[in-house]
Amino acid sequence: MKFVNIREFSSSATKLLRDDVEKGQRVVITRRGKPVGLIIPFTDKIAVAEALLEEADSLLKESGLTEVDVLKTLEKVRAKKSLCLRL
């Protein structure tokens, strides 16, 4: 895992993506020595899924929705996707 400060990230994002992330390395972006962001290679599907689930959990808590509400919505999305695949 590579750590870069936000100024370095700002000036060399393309290089970091090409030289590090595309080769499978995670990059932590820091501000004043504290982590503020994380870039995960999209090929690391488990890490991407974990990051998305953590964000979803945070959004769920902020929204006031219940887990039941979210599961109902997920079922609707899956049903639409299933319907679209059959067409």
Protein backbone atom coordinates (compact mmCIF):
# COMPACT_ATOMS: atom_id res chain seq x y z
CA MET A 1 0.00 0.00 0.00
CA LYS A 2 1.33 3.40 -0.96
CA PHE A 3 0.69 6.62 0.98
CA VAL A 4 0.71 10.02 -0.76
CA ASN A 5 -0.25 13.42 0.53
CA ILE A 6 -3.07 15.27 -1.15
CA ARG A 7 -0.75 17.74 -2.86
CA GLU A 8 1.30 14.94 -4.41
CA PHE A 9 -1.90 13.18 -5.46
CA SER A 10 -3.23 16.36 -7.03
CA SER A 11 -0.10 16.89 -9.11
CA SER A 12 0.49 13.26 -10.12
CA ALA A 13 -2.88 11.45 -10.14
CA THR A 14 -2.45 10.09 -13.67
CA LYS A 15 1.01 8.75 -12.91
CA LEU A 16 -0.18 7.14 -9.66
CA LEU A 17 -3.08 5.46 -11.45
CA ARG A 18 -0.87 4.21 -14.26
CA ASP A 19 2.19 3.20 -12.24
CA ASP A 20 0.57 1.92 -9.06
CA VAL A 21 -3.19 1.35 -9.10
CA GLU A 22 -3.30 -0.30 -12.53
CA LYS A 23 -0.61 -2.69 -11.28
CA GLY A 24 -2.73 -3.71 -8.29
CA GLN A 25 -1.40 -1.42 -5.56
CA ARG A 26 -3.74 0.48 -3.26
CA VAL A 27 -3.06 4.18 -2.69
CA VAL A 28 -4.00 6.01 0.51
CA ILE A 29 -4.35 9.77 0.15
CA THR A 30 -3.47 11.75 3.26
CA ARG A 31 -3.93 15.30 4.47
CA ARG A 32 -1.59 16.38 7.25
CA GLY A 33 -0.64 12.76 7.80
CA LYS A 34 -4.22 11.49 8.22
CA PRO A 35 -5.94 9.27 5.66
CA VAL A 36 -8.70 11.03 3.70
CA GLY A 37 -9.13 8.70 0.74
CA LEU A 38 -8.31 5.31 -0.67
CA ILE A 39 -7.90 4.24 -4.27
CA ILE A 40 -8.50 0.54 -4.79
CA PRO A 41 -7.67 -1.29 -8.02
CA PHE A 42 -10.95 -2.25 -9.66
CA THR A 43 -9.53 -5.72 -10.26
CA ASP A 44 -9.52 -6.28 -6.48
CA LYS A 45 -13.22 -7.08 -6.50
CA ILE A 46 -13.44 -8.10 -2.83
CA ALA A 47 -11.87 -4.83 -1.69
CA VAL A 48 -14.14 -2.84 -4.02
CA ALA A 49 -17.22 -4.69 -2.70
CA GLU A 50 -16.14 -4.10 0.90
CA ALA A 51 -15.62 -0.38 0.24
CA LEU A 52 -19.02 -0.08 -1.43
CA LEU A 53 -20.73 -1.94 1.41
CA GLU A 54 -19.07 0.27 4.01
CA GLU A 55 -20.25 3.36 2.14
CA ALA A 56 -23.75 1.91 1.76
CA ASP A 57 -23.86 1.20 5.50
CA SER A 58 -22.86 4.77 6.26
CA LEU A 59 -25.47 6.18 3.87
CA LEU A 60 -28.11 3.88 5.32
CA LYS A 61 -27.43 5.17 8.83
CA GLU A 62 -27.58 8.79 7.64
CA SER A 63 -30.80 8.31 5.67
CA GLY A 64 -32.84 6.74 8.43
CA LEU A 65 -33.85 3.85 6.18
CA THR A 66 -34.13 0.44 7.73
CA GLU A 67 -32.38 -2.66 6.52
CA VAL A 68 -35.79 -4.02 5.50
CA ASP A 69 -36.35 -0.97 3.25
CA VAL A 70 -32.99 -1.53 1.59
CA LEU A 71 -33.62 -5.25 1.06
CA LYS A 72 -36.99 -4.48 -0.57
CA THR A 73 -35.30 -2.02 -2.90
CA LEU A 74 -32.60 -4.56 -3.72
CA GLU A 75 -35.27 -7.12 -4.61
CA LYS A 76 -36.96 -4.61 -6.93
CA VAL A 77 -33.65 -3.83 -8.67
CA ARG A 78 -32.88 -7.53 -9.10
CA ALA A 79 -36.36 -8.15 -10.51
CA LYS A 80 -35.93 -5.34 -13.05
CA LYS A 81 -32.49 -6.65 -14.01
CA SER A 82 -33.87 -10.16 -14.40
CA LEU A 83 -36.71 -8.86 -16.56
CA CYS A 84 -34.30 -6.89 -18.76
CA LEU A 85 -32.05 -9.92 -19.25
CA ARG A 86 -35.02 -11.96 -20.50
CA LEU A 87 -35.96 -9.37 -23.14
